Amino acid sequence: MNKCVEGGPNPATVGAPVQTKEFFELLNNYYWSTIQPIQDRDGIWEYKVDALRHFVRHYIFQRRGGEEYTSIAVAAIDDNRDALADARSWDSQLQEKLSTDFGRWCTQADIKRNPRLDPFSPGEASLLAVLSPSAIGDQTIASWARQLIRSGDLKKARDHLEKIRGVASKISAFYMRDISLLMRPRPCVAADRRQFLQPIDIWTERAADVLAKPRLHRTETT
C-alpha cells in the first residue's frame, strides 16, 4: 500500500544530516528565485499564452545544444501573443505563422534549425498542435498538467507531452515535477507514479547505478 502525506516534507531531506538538508533547501530557494523567478511563472494557471511561454522558456529546449533556441523561441511566441490568445484552435495557419517567425529569429541569430527536434515546425507533432485548446481543452498547459497530477493520470500527461517533436521523458518529467511543486496544496503522488516526476538523463542513471552497486554487493554477500 502506498502511503503519502499531502503537503509533507521534501523526501530528499527526510532523515538527512542537517548539512544535507540545508544544501537542498538552498538549492531549492536558488532555483525558484533565480532560475525560475516568479515573473516567469505569473499567470501560468490562468492565461494560455503565458503558460505556453513559460513552457518554452524553461523546458522545451532543455536538451543538449537546445538552450540557444530559448530566447528566440520566446520572441516568436511574443510576436504572436494576440493571435494565440484569441484562437480557439491553434490550427495549421497559426502553426505556419509561428514557424515562420521562429525561422526569421533563427536567421537573425545565425542559428540553424534542427528539423528532427524542432517543435515549431507545423504538423501533428508541433508544439501548437499538441497543446492547442482543441487538444487539451479550454485551459492552460499548466492547469491541464495540474488537473492530471491531481487525478493521478501522470502517464497520460507524459504520453501527451511527448507527442511534441523534440520532447522526451526527461523534459516531460522535468515539467511535471515543477508543476507539482508549484501546486497548492502539494499533491499526494503514489510511489508507483513518482517516476513520471523524476527527470533522468544518462548521467543521473549512471550515477544511480554506481551508488546502487555497493548496496547490491553487500546484500548478496550477507
N, C-alpha and C. Protein backbone atom coordinates (compact mmCIF):
# COMPACT_ATOMS: atom_id res chain seq x y z
N MET A 1 0.85 -1.19 0.00
CA MET A 1 0.00 0.00 0.00
C MET A 1 0.88 1.24 0.00
N ASN A 2 0.59 2.18 -0.91
CA ASN A 2 1.37 3.40 -0.99
C ASN A 2 0.89 4.41 0.04
N LYS A 3 1.83 4.95 0.81
CA LYS A 3 1.49 5.96 1.80
C LYS A 3 2.06 7.30 1.34
N CYS A 4 1.25 8.31 1.45
CA CYS A 4 1.68 9.62 1.02
C CYS A 4 0.98 10.66 1.85
N VAL A 5 1.74 11.58 2.39
CA VAL A 5 1.17 12.64 3.19
C VAL A 5 1.12 13.91 2.35
N GLU A 6 -0.08 14.38 2.09
CA GLU A 6 -0.22 15.56 1.25
C GLU A 6 0.43 16.76 1.92
N GLY A 7 1.26 17.47 1.13
CA GLY A 7 1.92 18.66 1.65
C GLY A 7 3.03 18.34 2.62
N GLY A 8 3.53 17.11 2.63
CA GLY A 8 4.57 16.70 3.57
C GLY A 8 5.93 17.24 3.18
N PRO A 9 6.96 16.85 3.95
CA PRO A 9 8.31 17.36 3.69
C PRO A 9 8.88 16.82 2.40
N ASN A 10 9.92 17.48 1.93
CA ASN A 10 10.63 17.03 0.74
C ASN A 10 11.28 15.68 1.04
N PRO A 11 10.97 14.63 0.26
CA PRO A 11 11.55 13.30 0.53
C PRO A 11 13.06 13.30 0.54
N ALA A 12 13.67 14.23 -0.23
CA ALA A 12 15.13 14.27 -0.32
C ALA A 12 15.78 14.68 1.00
N THR A 13 15.03 15.34 1.89
CA THR A 13 15.62 15.84 3.11
C THR A 13 15.20 15.08 4.36
N VAL A 14 14.28 14.12 4.22
CA VAL A 14 13.81 13.37 5.39
C VAL A 14 14.94 12.50 5.95
N GLY A 15 15.25 12.68 7.20
CA GLY A 15 16.28 11.89 7.85
C GLY A 15 17.70 12.22 7.44
N ALA A 16 17.86 13.29 6.64
CA ALA A 16 19.19 13.64 6.17
C ALA A 16 19.93 14.46 7.21
N PRO A 17 21.26 14.43 7.19
CA PRO A 17 22.03 15.29 8.09
C PRO A 17 21.66 16.75 7.86
N VAL A 18 21.86 17.57 8.86
CA VAL A 18 21.48 18.98 8.77
C VAL A 18 22.14 19.64 7.57
N GLN A 19 23.43 19.33 7.33
CA GLN A 19 24.13 19.97 6.22
C GLN A 19 23.49 19.62 4.88
N THR A 20 23.09 18.38 4.74
CA THR A 20 22.45 17.95 3.50
C THR A 20 21.10 18.63 3.33
N LYS A 21 20.33 18.69 4.41
CA LYS A 21 19.03 19.34 4.36
C LYS A 21 19.17 20.80 3.99
N GLU A 22 20.12 21.49 4.61
CA GLU A 22 20.33 22.90 4.31
C GLU A 22 20.77 23.09 2.86
N PHE A 23 21.59 22.17 2.38
CA PHE A 23 22.04 22.26 0.99
C PHE A 23 20.87 22.19 0.02
N PHE A 24 19.98 21.20 0.23
CA PHE A 24 18.83 21.07 -0.65
C PHE A 24 17.88 22.26 -0.54
N GLU A 25 17.75 22.81 0.65
CA GLU A 25 16.89 23.97 0.82
C GLU A 25 17.47 25.18 0.10
N LEU A 26 18.79 25.37 0.20
CA LEU A 26 19.44 26.46 -0.51
C LEU A 26 19.32 26.30 -2.02
N LEU A 27 19.50 25.07 -2.48
CA LEU A 27 19.39 24.79 -3.90
C LEU A 27 17.97 25.05 -4.39
N ASN A 28 16.99 24.63 -3.60
CA ASN A 28 15.60 24.85 -3.96
C ASN A 28 15.27 26.34 -4.01
N ASN A 29 15.73 27.09 -3.02
CA ASN A 29 15.48 28.53 -3.00
C ASN A 29 16.13 29.24 -4.17
N TYR A 30 17.35 28.82 -4.49
CA TYR A 30 18.04 29.42 -5.63
C TYR A 30 17.29 29.14 -6.94
N TYR A 31 16.83 27.92 -7.10
CA TYR A 31 16.12 27.54 -8.32
C TYR A 31 14.88 28.41 -8.54
N TRP A 32 14.06 28.54 -7.48
CA TRP A 32 12.79 29.26 -7.63
C TRP A 32 12.94 30.77 -7.58
N SER A 33 14.07 31.27 -7.13
CA SER A 33 14.26 32.72 -7.10
C SER A 33 15.07 33.25 -8.28
N THR A 34 15.98 32.41 -8.79
CA THR A 34 16.90 32.87 -9.83
C THR A 34 16.65 32.23 -11.19
N ILE A 35 16.56 30.91 -11.22
CA ILE A 35 16.35 30.21 -12.49
C ILE A 35 14.89 30.30 -12.93
N GLN A 36 13.98 30.21 -11.96
CA GLN A 36 12.55 30.28 -12.26
C GLN A 36 11.92 31.42 -11.44
N PRO A 37 12.28 32.66 -11.70
CA PRO A 37 11.72 33.77 -10.92
C PRO A 37 10.21 33.87 -11.10
N ILE A 38 9.57 34.47 -10.12
CA ILE A 38 8.11 34.49 -10.10
C ILE A 38 7.52 35.19 -11.31
N GLN A 39 8.22 36.18 -11.87
CA GLN A 39 7.68 36.88 -13.03
C GLN A 39 7.57 35.98 -14.25
N ASP A 40 8.38 34.92 -14.30
CA ASP A 40 8.27 33.96 -15.41
C ASP A 40 7.10 33.01 -15.23
N ARG A 41 6.64 32.87 -13.98
CA ARG A 41 5.56 31.93 -13.68
C ARG A 41 4.21 32.62 -13.52
N ASP A 42 4.21 33.92 -13.49
CA ASP A 42 2.99 34.67 -13.25
C ASP A 42 1.98 34.44 -14.37
N GLY A 43 0.80 34.00 -14.01
CA GLY A 43 -0.27 33.82 -15.00
C GLY A 43 -0.35 32.46 -15.65
N ILE A 44 0.51 31.52 -15.24
CA ILE A 44 0.51 30.23 -15.95
C ILE A 44 -0.75 29.41 -15.71
N TRP A 45 -1.46 29.65 -14.61
CA TRP A 45 -2.68 28.89 -14.33
C TRP A 45 -3.88 29.48 -15.07
N GLU A 46 -3.82 30.77 -15.40
CA GLU A 46 -4.99 31.45 -15.97
C GLU A 46 -4.88 31.77 -17.46
N TYR A 47 -3.68 32.02 -17.95
CA TYR A 47 -3.51 32.54 -19.31
C TYR A 47 -2.70 31.57 -20.16
N LYS A 48 -3.31 31.08 -21.23
CA LYS A 48 -2.68 30.02 -22.01
C LYS A 48 -1.40 30.46 -22.71
N VAL A 49 -1.31 31.73 -23.11
CA VAL A 49 -0.08 32.19 -23.76
C VAL A 49 1.05 32.32 -22.74
N ASP A 50 0.74 32.81 -21.55
CA ASP A 50 1.76 32.90 -20.50
C ASP A 50 2.27 31.52 -20.13
N ALA A 51 1.37 30.56 -20.05
CA ALA A 51 1.77 29.18 -19.72
C ALA A 51 2.61 28.57 -20.84
N LEU A 52 2.22 28.84 -22.09
CA LEU A 52 2.99 28.34 -23.24
C LEU A 52 4.38 28.97 -23.25
N ARG A 53 4.44 30.24 -22.97
CA ARG A 53 5.72 30.96 -22.94
C ARG A 53 6.63 30.40 -21.84
N HIS A 54 6.06 30.11 -20.69
CA HIS A 54 6.80 29.52 -19.57
C HIS A 54 7.35 28.15 -19.96
N PHE A 55 6.54 27.35 -20.61
CA PHE A 55 6.97 26.01 -21.04
C PHE A 55 8.11 26.11 -22.04
N VAL A 56 8.00 27.05 -22.98
CA VAL A 56 9.03 27.23 -24.00
C VAL A 56 10.32 27.78 -23.38
N ARG A 57 10.18 28.73 -22.48
CA ARG A 57 11.35 29.40 -21.90
C ARG A 57 12.17 28.47 -21.00
N HIS A 58 11.50 27.61 -20.27
CA HIS A 58 12.21 26.85 -19.23
C HIS A 58 12.32 25.35 -19.47
N TYR A 59 11.64 24.81 -20.47
CA TYR A 59 11.61 23.35 -20.56
C TYR A 59 11.88 22.79 -21.96
N ILE A 60 11.18 23.26 -22.95
CA ILE A 60 11.13 22.51 -24.21
C ILE A 60 12.48 22.40 -24.91
N PHE A 61 13.38 23.34 -24.65
CA PHE A 61 14.70 23.28 -25.28
C PHE A 61 15.79 22.86 -24.28
N GLN A 62 15.40 22.30 -23.14
CA GLN A 62 16.38 21.87 -22.15
C GLN A 62 16.95 20.49 -22.49
N ARG A 63 17.68 20.48 -23.57
CA ARG A 63 18.40 19.29 -24.00
C ARG A 63 19.76 19.76 -24.51
N ARG A 64 20.64 18.82 -24.75
CA ARG A 64 21.98 19.18 -25.19
C ARG A 64 21.91 19.98 -26.50
N GLY A 65 22.49 21.18 -26.47
CA GLY A 65 22.51 22.02 -27.66
C GLY A 65 21.23 22.79 -27.91
N GLY A 66 20.25 22.64 -27.03
CA GLY A 66 18.96 23.28 -27.29
C GLY A 66 18.80 24.66 -26.69
N GLU A 67 19.65 24.99 -25.70
CA GLU A 67 19.46 26.23 -24.96
C GLU A 67 19.55 27.48 -25.83
N GLU A 68 20.32 27.41 -26.93
CA GLU A 68 20.50 28.59 -27.77
C GLU A 68 19.21 29.02 -28.46
N TYR A 69 18.23 28.13 -28.51
CA TYR A 69 16.96 28.46 -29.15
C TYR A 69 15.97 29.18 -28.22
N THR A 70 16.22 29.14 -26.93
CA THR A 70 15.21 29.56 -25.96
C THR A 70 14.74 30.99 -26.15
N SER A 71 15.65 31.94 -26.19
CA SER A 71 15.26 33.35 -26.26
C SER A 71 14.56 33.69 -27.57
N ILE A 72 15.00 33.09 -28.67
CA ILE A 72 14.36 33.40 -29.94
C ILE A 72 12.99 32.70 -30.06
N ALA A 73 12.85 31.57 -29.40
CA ALA A 73 11.54 30.90 -29.37
C ALA A 73 10.54 31.73 -28.59
N VAL A 74 10.98 32.30 -27.48
CA VAL A 74 10.12 33.18 -26.69
C VAL A 74 9.75 34.41 -27.50
N ALA A 75 10.69 34.95 -28.26
CA ALA A 75 10.41 36.11 -29.10
C ALA A 75 9.35 35.79 -30.15
N ALA A 76 9.41 34.60 -30.72
CA ALA A 76 8.41 34.19 -31.71
C ALA A 76 7.02 34.07 -31.07
N ILE A 77 6.96 33.54 -29.84
CA ILE A 77 5.70 33.47 -29.11
C ILE A 77 5.15 34.88 -28.88
N ASP A 78 6.02 35.79 -28.45
CA ASP A 78 5.60 37.16 -28.18
C ASP A 78 5.09 37.85 -29.45
N ASP A 79 5.69 37.53 -30.59
CA ASP A 79 5.22 38.11 -31.86
C ASP A 79 3.79 37.69 -32.18
N ASN A 80 3.37 36.56 -31.65
CA ASN A 80 2.05 36.01 -31.99
C ASN A 80 1.12 35.93 -30.77
N ARG A 81 1.42 36.72 -29.75
CA ARG A 81 0.66 36.66 -28.50
C ARG A 81 -0.84 36.87 -28.73
N ASP A 82 -1.21 37.90 -29.45
CA ASP A 82 -2.64 38.20 -29.64
C ASP A 82 -3.36 37.09 -30.39
N ALA A 83 -2.73 36.58 -31.44
CA ALA A 83 -3.35 35.51 -32.23
C ALA A 83 -3.50 34.24 -31.40
N LEU A 84 -2.49 33.91 -30.60
CA LEU A 84 -2.55 32.73 -29.75
C LEU A 84 -3.61 32.87 -28.67
N ALA A 85 -3.76 34.07 -28.12
CA ALA A 85 -4.73 34.29 -27.06
C ALA A 85 -6.15 34.23 -27.57
N ASP A 86 -6.38 34.66 -28.80
CA ASP A 86 -7.73 34.76 -29.34
C ASP A 86 -8.23 33.47 -30.00
N ALA A 87 -7.30 32.66 -30.48
CA ALA A 87 -7.69 31.48 -31.26
C ALA A 87 -8.28 30.38 -30.38
N ARG A 88 -9.37 29.79 -30.85
CA ARG A 88 -9.94 28.63 -30.17
C ARG A 88 -9.22 27.35 -30.54
N SER A 89 -8.54 27.38 -31.65
CA SER A 89 -7.74 26.24 -32.07
C SER A 89 -6.46 26.77 -32.71
N TRP A 90 -5.35 26.24 -32.28
CA TRP A 90 -4.07 26.67 -32.86
C TRP A 90 -3.85 25.85 -34.13
N ASP A 91 -4.52 26.27 -35.20
CA ASP A 91 -4.59 25.50 -36.45
C ASP A 91 -3.33 25.64 -37.29
N SER A 92 -3.37 25.02 -38.47
CA SER A 92 -2.20 24.97 -39.34
C SER A 92 -1.73 26.35 -39.78
N GLN A 93 -2.67 27.28 -39.97
CA GLN A 93 -2.29 28.63 -40.38
C GLN A 93 -1.47 29.33 -39.29
N LEU A 94 -1.91 29.18 -38.06
CA LEU A 94 -1.18 29.77 -36.94
C LEU A 94 0.14 29.05 -36.71
N GLN A 95 0.16 27.75 -36.91
CA GLN A 95 1.41 27.00 -36.82
C GLN A 95 2.43 27.49 -37.84
N GLU A 96 1.97 27.74 -39.06
CA GLU A 96 2.85 28.24 -40.12
C GLU A 96 3.39 29.62 -39.77
N LYS A 97 2.52 30.47 -39.23
CA LYS A 97 2.96 31.82 -38.87
C LYS A 97 4.01 31.79 -37.77
N LEU A 98 3.79 30.98 -36.74
CA LEU A 98 4.75 30.89 -35.65
C LEU A 98 6.07 30.30 -36.14
N SER A 99 5.98 29.30 -37.00
CA SER A 99 7.18 28.67 -37.54
C SER A 99 7.98 29.66 -38.38
N THR A 100 7.28 30.47 -39.17
CA THR A 100 7.96 31.47 -40.00
C THR A 100 8.68 32.50 -39.13
N ASP A 101 8.00 32.96 -38.08
CA ASP A 101 8.62 33.95 -37.20
C ASP A 101 9.81 33.36 -36.44
N PHE A 102 9.68 32.11 -36.02
CA PHE A 102 10.78 31.44 -35.35
C PHE A 102 11.97 31.31 -36.30
N GLY A 103 11.70 30.96 -37.56
CA GLY A 103 12.76 30.85 -38.56
C GLY A 103 13.44 32.18 -38.81
N ARG A 104 12.66 33.25 -38.82
CA ARG A 104 13.23 34.59 -39.01
C ARG A 104 14.18 34.94 -37.87
N TRP A 105 13.76 34.64 -36.63
CA TRP A 105 14.62 34.91 -35.48
C TRP A 105 15.88 34.04 -35.51
N CYS A 106 15.75 32.80 -35.96
CA CYS A 106 16.92 31.92 -36.08
C CYS A 106 17.92 32.49 -37.08
N THR A 107 17.40 32.97 -38.20
CA THR A 107 18.27 33.55 -39.23
C THR A 107 19.00 34.77 -38.70
N GLN A 108 18.28 35.63 -37.99
CA GLN A 108 18.90 36.83 -37.43
C GLN A 108 19.98 36.49 -36.41
N ALA A 109 19.77 35.41 -35.68
CA ALA A 109 20.75 35.00 -34.67
C ALA A 109 21.82 34.06 -35.23
N ASP A 110 21.71 33.77 -36.54
CA ASP A 110 22.65 32.87 -37.21
C ASP A 110 22.68 31.49 -36.54
N ILE A 111 21.47 31.00 -36.25
CA ILE A 111 21.30 29.68 -35.64
C ILE A 111 20.54 28.78 -36.61
N LYS A 112 21.06 27.61 -36.84
CA LYS A 112 20.43 26.67 -37.77
C LYS A 112 19.34 25.87 -37.07
N ARG A 113 18.18 25.76 -37.71
CA ARG A 113 17.10 24.95 -37.15
C ARG A 113 17.40 23.46 -37.32
N ASN A 114 16.90 22.69 -36.37
CA ASN A 114 17.08 21.23 -36.42
C ASN A 114 15.71 20.60 -36.71
N PRO A 115 15.44 20.23 -37.96
CA PRO A 115 14.10 19.73 -38.32
C PRO A 115 13.65 18.52 -37.50
N ARG A 116 14.59 17.70 -37.09
CA ARG A 116 14.24 16.48 -36.35
C ARG A 116 13.69 16.78 -34.95
N LEU A 117 14.15 17.90 -34.36
CA LEU A 117 13.76 18.22 -32.99
C LEU A 117 13.01 19.55 -32.86
N ASP A 118 12.64 20.12 -33.98
CA ASP A 118 12.04 21.46 -33.99
C ASP A 118 10.55 21.42 -33.63
N PRO A 119 10.17 21.88 -32.44
CA PRO A 119 8.76 21.83 -32.04
C PRO A 119 7.90 22.89 -32.72
N PHE A 120 8.55 23.83 -33.42
CA PHE A 120 7.81 24.90 -34.08
C PHE A 120 7.43 24.56 -35.52
N SER A 121 8.01 23.51 -36.07
CA SER A 121 7.64 23.11 -37.42
C SER A 121 6.19 22.63 -37.44
N PRO A 122 5.39 23.06 -38.43
CA PRO A 122 3.97 22.69 -38.46
C PRO A 122 3.76 21.18 -38.59
N GLY A 123 2.58 20.75 -38.20
CA GLY A 123 2.23 19.34 -38.29
C GLY A 123 1.67 18.82 -36.98
N GLU A 124 1.30 17.55 -36.97
CA GLU A 124 0.64 16.99 -35.80
C GLU A 124 1.57 16.87 -34.59
N ALA A 125 2.89 16.93 -34.81
CA ALA A 125 3.84 16.86 -33.70
C ALA A 125 4.34 18.24 -33.30
N SER A 126 3.73 19.28 -33.82
CA SER A 126 4.18 20.64 -33.47
C SER A 126 3.69 21.01 -32.08
N LEU A 127 4.39 21.95 -31.48
CA LEU A 127 4.03 22.46 -30.16
C LEU A 127 2.58 22.93 -30.12
N LEU A 128 2.19 23.69 -31.12
CA LEU A 128 0.83 24.25 -31.13
C LEU A 128 -0.24 23.19 -31.36
N ALA A 129 0.06 22.19 -32.17
CA ALA A 129 -0.94 21.15 -32.43
C ALA A 129 -1.21 20.33 -31.17
N VAL A 130 -0.16 19.97 -30.46
CA VAL A 130 -0.31 19.11 -29.28
C VAL A 130 -0.95 19.86 -28.11
N LEU A 131 -0.65 21.15 -28.00
CA LEU A 131 -1.16 21.93 -26.86
C LEU A 131 -2.30 22.87 -27.25
N SER A 132 -2.84 22.69 -28.41
CA SER A 132 -3.96 23.51 -28.86
C SER A 132 -5.15 23.38 -27.92
N PRO A 133 -5.95 24.44 -27.77
CA PRO A 133 -7.18 24.32 -26.98
C PRO A 133 -8.08 23.17 -27.45
N SER A 134 -8.00 22.85 -28.73
CA SER A 134 -8.80 21.74 -29.24
C SER A 134 -8.25 20.39 -28.79
N ALA A 135 -6.99 20.36 -28.29
CA ALA A 135 -6.37 19.11 -27.85
C ALA A 135 -6.42 18.93 -26.34
N ILE A 136 -6.24 20.01 -25.59
CA ILE A 136 -6.21 19.89 -24.12
C ILE A 136 -7.36 20.64 -23.45
N GLY A 137 -8.26 21.18 -24.24
CA GLY A 137 -9.41 21.86 -23.67
C GLY A 137 -9.14 23.33 -23.39
N ASP A 138 -10.10 23.98 -22.82
CA ASP A 138 -10.03 25.41 -22.56
C ASP A 138 -9.30 25.69 -21.25
N GLN A 139 -8.03 25.32 -21.22
CA GLN A 139 -7.20 25.53 -20.04
C GLN A 139 -5.76 25.72 -20.50
N THR A 140 -4.93 26.19 -19.63
CA THR A 140 -3.53 26.36 -19.98
C THR A 140 -2.81 25.02 -19.87
N ILE A 141 -1.61 24.95 -20.43
CA ILE A 141 -0.84 23.72 -20.28
C ILE A 141 -0.55 23.44 -18.81
N ALA A 142 -0.35 24.51 -18.03
CA ALA A 142 -0.05 24.33 -16.60
C ALA A 142 -1.28 23.81 -15.84
N SER A 143 -2.44 24.40 -16.10
CA SER A 143 -3.65 23.95 -15.38
C SER A 143 -4.08 22.57 -15.86
N TRP A 144 -3.82 22.27 -17.13
CA TRP A 144 -4.08 20.92 -17.66
C TRP A 144 -3.20 19.89 -16.95
N ALA A 145 -1.90 20.20 -16.82
CA ALA A 145 -0.99 19.29 -16.12
C ALA A 145 -1.37 19.15 -14.66
N ARG A 146 -1.75 20.25 -14.03
CA ARG A 146 -2.16 20.22 -12.62
C ARG A 146 -3.36 19.30 -12.43
N GLN A 147 -4.32 19.37 -13.34
CA GLN A 147 -5.51 18.53 -13.24
C GLN A 147 -5.15 17.05 -13.33
N LEU A 148 -4.25 16.70 -14.25
CA LEU A 148 -3.86 15.30 -14.42
C LEU A 148 -3.02 14.80 -13.25
N ILE A 149 -2.21 15.66 -12.66
CA ILE A 149 -1.46 15.27 -11.47
C ILE A 149 -2.41 14.99 -10.32
N ARG A 150 -3.38 15.84 -10.14
CA ARG A 150 -4.36 15.65 -9.06
C ARG A 150 -5.15 14.36 -9.23
N SER A 151 -5.45 14.01 -10.47
CA SER A 151 -6.24 12.82 -10.72
C SER A 151 -5.39 11.55 -10.79
N GLY A 152 -4.07 11.71 -10.73
CA GLY A 152 -3.18 10.55 -10.79
C GLY A 152 -2.87 10.07 -12.19
N ASP A 153 -3.28 10.84 -13.21
CA ASP A 153 -3.07 10.44 -14.60
C ASP A 153 -1.73 10.95 -15.13
N LEU A 154 -0.67 10.68 -14.41
CA LEU A 154 0.63 11.21 -14.81
C LEU A 154 1.15 10.58 -16.09
N LYS A 155 0.86 9.32 -16.29
CA LYS A 155 1.30 8.67 -17.53
C LYS A 155 0.59 9.29 -18.74
N LYS A 156 -0.67 9.61 -18.57
CA LYS A 156 -1.41 10.26 -19.66
C LYS A 156 -0.79 11.60 -20.00
N ALA A 157 -0.42 12.36 -18.97
CA ALA A 157 0.22 13.66 -19.19
C ALA A 157 1.56 13.49 -19.90
N ARG A 158 2.36 12.53 -19.42
CA ARG A 158 3.67 12.29 -20.04
C ARG A 158 3.51 11.90 -21.50
N ASP A 159 2.64 10.96 -21.77
CA ASP A 159 2.47 10.48 -23.13
C ASP A 159 2.02 11.59 -24.07
N HIS A 160 1.17 12.48 -23.56
CA HIS A 160 0.70 13.58 -24.41
C HIS A 160 1.82 14.60 -24.67
N LEU A 161 2.55 14.97 -23.64
CA LEU A 161 3.64 15.93 -23.82
C LEU A 161 4.69 15.39 -24.79
N GLU A 162 4.92 14.09 -24.76
CA GLU A 162 5.95 13.50 -25.60
C GLU A 162 5.52 13.34 -27.05
N LYS A 163 4.30 13.76 -27.36
CA LYS A 163 3.89 13.85 -28.76
C LYS A 163 4.53 15.05 -29.45
N ILE A 164 5.00 16.02 -28.64
CA ILE A 164 5.64 17.21 -29.20
C ILE A 164 7.01 16.84 -29.74
N ARG A 165 7.30 17.27 -30.93
CA ARG A 165 8.59 16.99 -31.55
C ARG A 165 9.72 17.57 -30.68
N GLY A 166 10.67 16.72 -30.31
CA GLY A 166 11.79 17.16 -29.50
C GLY A 166 11.62 16.95 -28.01
N VAL A 167 10.43 16.55 -27.57
CA VAL A 167 10.18 16.32 -26.15
C VAL A 167 10.23 14.83 -25.86
N ALA A 168 11.06 14.45 -24.91
CA ALA A 168 11.16 13.05 -24.47
C ALA A 168 10.92 12.98 -22.97
N SER A 169 11.22 11.84 -22.38
CA SER A 169 10.83 11.59 -20.99
C SER A 169 11.46 12.56 -20.00
N LYS A 170 12.71 13.00 -20.25
CA LYS A 170 13.36 13.90 -19.29
C LYS A 170 12.64 15.25 -19.23
N ILE A 171 12.32 15.81 -20.38
CA ILE A 171 11.66 17.12 -20.41
C ILE A 171 10.25 17.03 -19.85
N SER A 172 9.52 15.99 -20.20
CA SER A 172 8.15 15.87 -19.69
C SER A 172 8.15 15.71 -18.18
N ALA A 173 9.07 14.90 -17.64
CA ALA A 173 9.16 14.71 -16.19
C ALA A 173 9.62 15.98 -15.50
N PHE A 174 10.54 16.69 -16.10
CA PHE A 174 11.04 17.96 -15.58
C PHE A 174 9.88 18.95 -15.41
N TYR A 175 9.06 19.06 -16.44
CA TYR A 175 7.94 19.99 -16.39
C TYR A 175 6.90 19.55 -15.36
N MET A 176 6.53 18.28 -15.39
CA MET A 176 5.51 17.79 -14.47
C MET A 176 5.99 17.89 -13.02
N ARG A 177 7.27 17.66 -12.78
CA ARG A 177 7.80 17.79 -11.42
C ARG A 177 7.63 19.22 -10.91
N ASP A 178 7.99 20.18 -11.75
CA ASP A 178 7.91 21.58 -11.31
C ASP A 178 6.46 22.02 -11.10
N ILE A 179 5.57 21.56 -11.97
CA ILE A 179 4.15 21.90 -11.77
C ILE A 179 3.66 21.33 -10.45
N SER A 180 4.06 20.12 -10.13
CA SER A 180 3.64 19.52 -8.86
C SER A 180 4.18 20.31 -7.67
N LEU A 181 5.39 20.86 -7.78
CA LEU A 181 5.98 21.64 -6.70
C LEU A 181 5.31 23.01 -6.56
N LEU A 182 4.74 23.51 -7.64
CA LEU A 182 4.07 24.80 -7.61
C LEU A 182 2.62 24.69 -7.14
N MET A 183 2.09 23.50 -7.14
CA MET A 183 0.68 23.30 -6.75
C MET A 183 0.47 23.54 -5.26
N ARG A 184 -0.67 24.12 -4.94
CA ARG A 184 -1.07 24.33 -3.55
C ARG A 184 -2.52 23.87 -3.39
N PRO A 185 -2.78 22.93 -2.47
CA PRO A 185 -1.77 22.24 -1.66
C PRO A 185 -0.94 21.29 -2.52
N ARG A 186 0.20 20.87 -1.97
CA ARG A 186 1.05 19.93 -2.69
C ARG A 186 0.28 18.63 -2.94
N PRO A 187 0.44 18.05 -4.13
CA PRO A 187 -0.30 16.82 -4.44
C PRO A 187 0.27 15.61 -3.73
N CYS A 188 -0.58 14.64 -3.51
CA CYS A 188 -0.16 13.35 -2.98
C CYS A 188 0.02 12.41 -4.16
N VAL A 189 1.26 12.07 -4.47
CA VAL A 189 1.57 11.24 -5.63
C VAL A 189 1.98 9.86 -5.15
N ALA A 190 1.28 8.85 -5.61
CA ALA A 190 1.58 7.47 -5.21
C ALA A 190 3.00 7.09 -5.65
N ALA A 191 3.63 6.22 -4.86
CA ALA A 191 5.02 5.85 -5.10
C ALA A 191 5.24 5.29 -6.51
N ASP A 192 4.27 4.53 -7.01
CA ASP A 192 4.46 3.91 -8.32
C ASP A 192 4.24 4.89 -9.47
N ARG A 193 3.92 6.14 -9.17
CA ARG A 193 3.75 7.14 -10.22
C ARG A 193 4.81 8.25 -10.15
N ARG A 194 5.64 8.21 -9.13
CA ARG A 194 6.63 9.29 -8.96
C ARG A 194 7.69 9.27 -10.05
N GLN A 195 7.84 8.14 -10.73
CA GLN A 195 8.81 8.07 -11.83
C GLN A 195 8.50 9.10 -12.91
N PHE A 196 7.22 9.47 -13.05
CA PHE A 196 6.84 10.43 -14.07
C PHE A 196 7.17 11.86 -13.68
N LEU A 197 7.63 12.06 -12.44
CA LEU A 197 8.01 13.38 -11.95
C LEU A 197 9.51 13.48 -11.73
N GLN A 198 10.25 12.47 -12.13
CA GLN A 198 11.69 12.45 -11.88
C GLN A 198 12.46 12.47 -13.19
N PRO A 199 12.98 13.65 -13.58
CA PRO A 199 13.76 13.69 -14.82
C PRO A 199 15.08 12.94 -14.67
N ILE A 200 15.32 12.01 -15.57
CA ILE A 200 16.53 11.20 -15.53
C ILE A 200 17.27 11.34 -16.86
N ASP A 201 18.52 11.76 -16.79
CA ASP A 201 19.33 11.73 -18.01
C ASP A 201 20.39 10.64 -17.85
N ILE A 202 21.23 10.50 -18.84
CA ILE A 202 22.18 9.38 -18.85
C ILE A 202 23.14 9.46 -17.67
N TRP A 203 23.54 10.68 -17.26
CA TRP A 203 24.50 10.81 -16.16
C TRP A 203 23.85 10.51 -14.82
N THR A 204 22.60 10.90 -14.64
CA THR A 204 21.89 10.55 -13.42
C THR A 204 21.74 9.04 -13.32
N GLU A 205 21.40 8.44 -14.45
CA GLU A 205 21.22 6.98 -14.47
C GLU A 205 22.53 6.26 -14.14
N ARG A 206 23.62 6.73 -14.70
CA ARG A 206 24.92 6.10 -14.44
C ARG A 206 25.32 6.26 -12.97
N ALA A 207 25.08 7.46 -12.42
CA ALA A 207 25.41 7.70 -11.01
C ALA A 207 24.58 6.80 -10.11
N ALA A 208 23.30 6.64 -10.43
CA ALA A 208 22.43 5.77 -9.63
C ALA A 208 22.92 4.34 -9.68
N ASP A 209 23.37 3.90 -10.84
CA ASP A 209 23.90 2.54 -10.96
C ASP A 209 25.14 2.35 -10.09
N VAL A 210 26.03 3.34 -10.12
CA VAL A 210 27.25 3.26 -9.32
C VAL A 210 26.94 3.22 -7.83
N LEU A 211 26.01 4.07 -7.39
CA LEU A 211 25.65 4.11 -5.98
C LEU A 211 24.93 2.84 -5.54
N ALA A 212 24.20 2.22 -6.44
CA ALA A 212 23.43 1.03 -6.09
C ALA A 212 24.30 -0.22 -6.00
N LYS A 213 25.39 -0.28 -6.75
CA LYS A 213 26.19 -1.50 -6.81
C LYS A 213 26.76 -1.92 -5.47
N PRO A 214 27.35 -1.02 -4.66
CA PRO A 214 27.86 -1.48 -3.35
C PRO A 214 26.76 -2.05 -2.46
N ARG A 215 25.57 -1.46 -2.50
CA ARG A 215 24.46 -1.96 -1.69
C ARG A 215 24.04 -3.34 -2.16
N LEU A 216 23.98 -3.53 -3.49
CA LEU A 216 23.62 -4.84 -4.02
C LEU A 216 24.67 -5.88 -3.65
N HIS A 217 25.94 -5.45 -3.69
CA HIS A 217 27.02 -6.37 -3.36
C HIS A 217 26.92 -6.80 -1.89
N ARG A 218 26.66 -5.83 -1.00
CA ARG A 218 26.52 -6.17 0.42
C ARG A 218 25.36 -7.12 0.67
N THR A 219 24.26 -6.89 -0.06
CA THR A 219 23.08 -7.75 0.10
C THR A 219 23.38 -9.18 -0.35
N GLU A 220 24.13 -9.30 -1.45
CA GLU A 220 24.44 -10.63 -1.99
C GLU A 220 25.40 -11.40 -1.09
N THR A 221 26.25 -10.69 -0.34
CA THR A 221 27.26 -11.38 0.46
C THR A 221 26.84 -11.59 1.92
N THR A 222 25.66 -11.09 2.30
CA THR A 222 25.21 -11.27 3.69
C THR A 222 24.24 -12.43 3.79
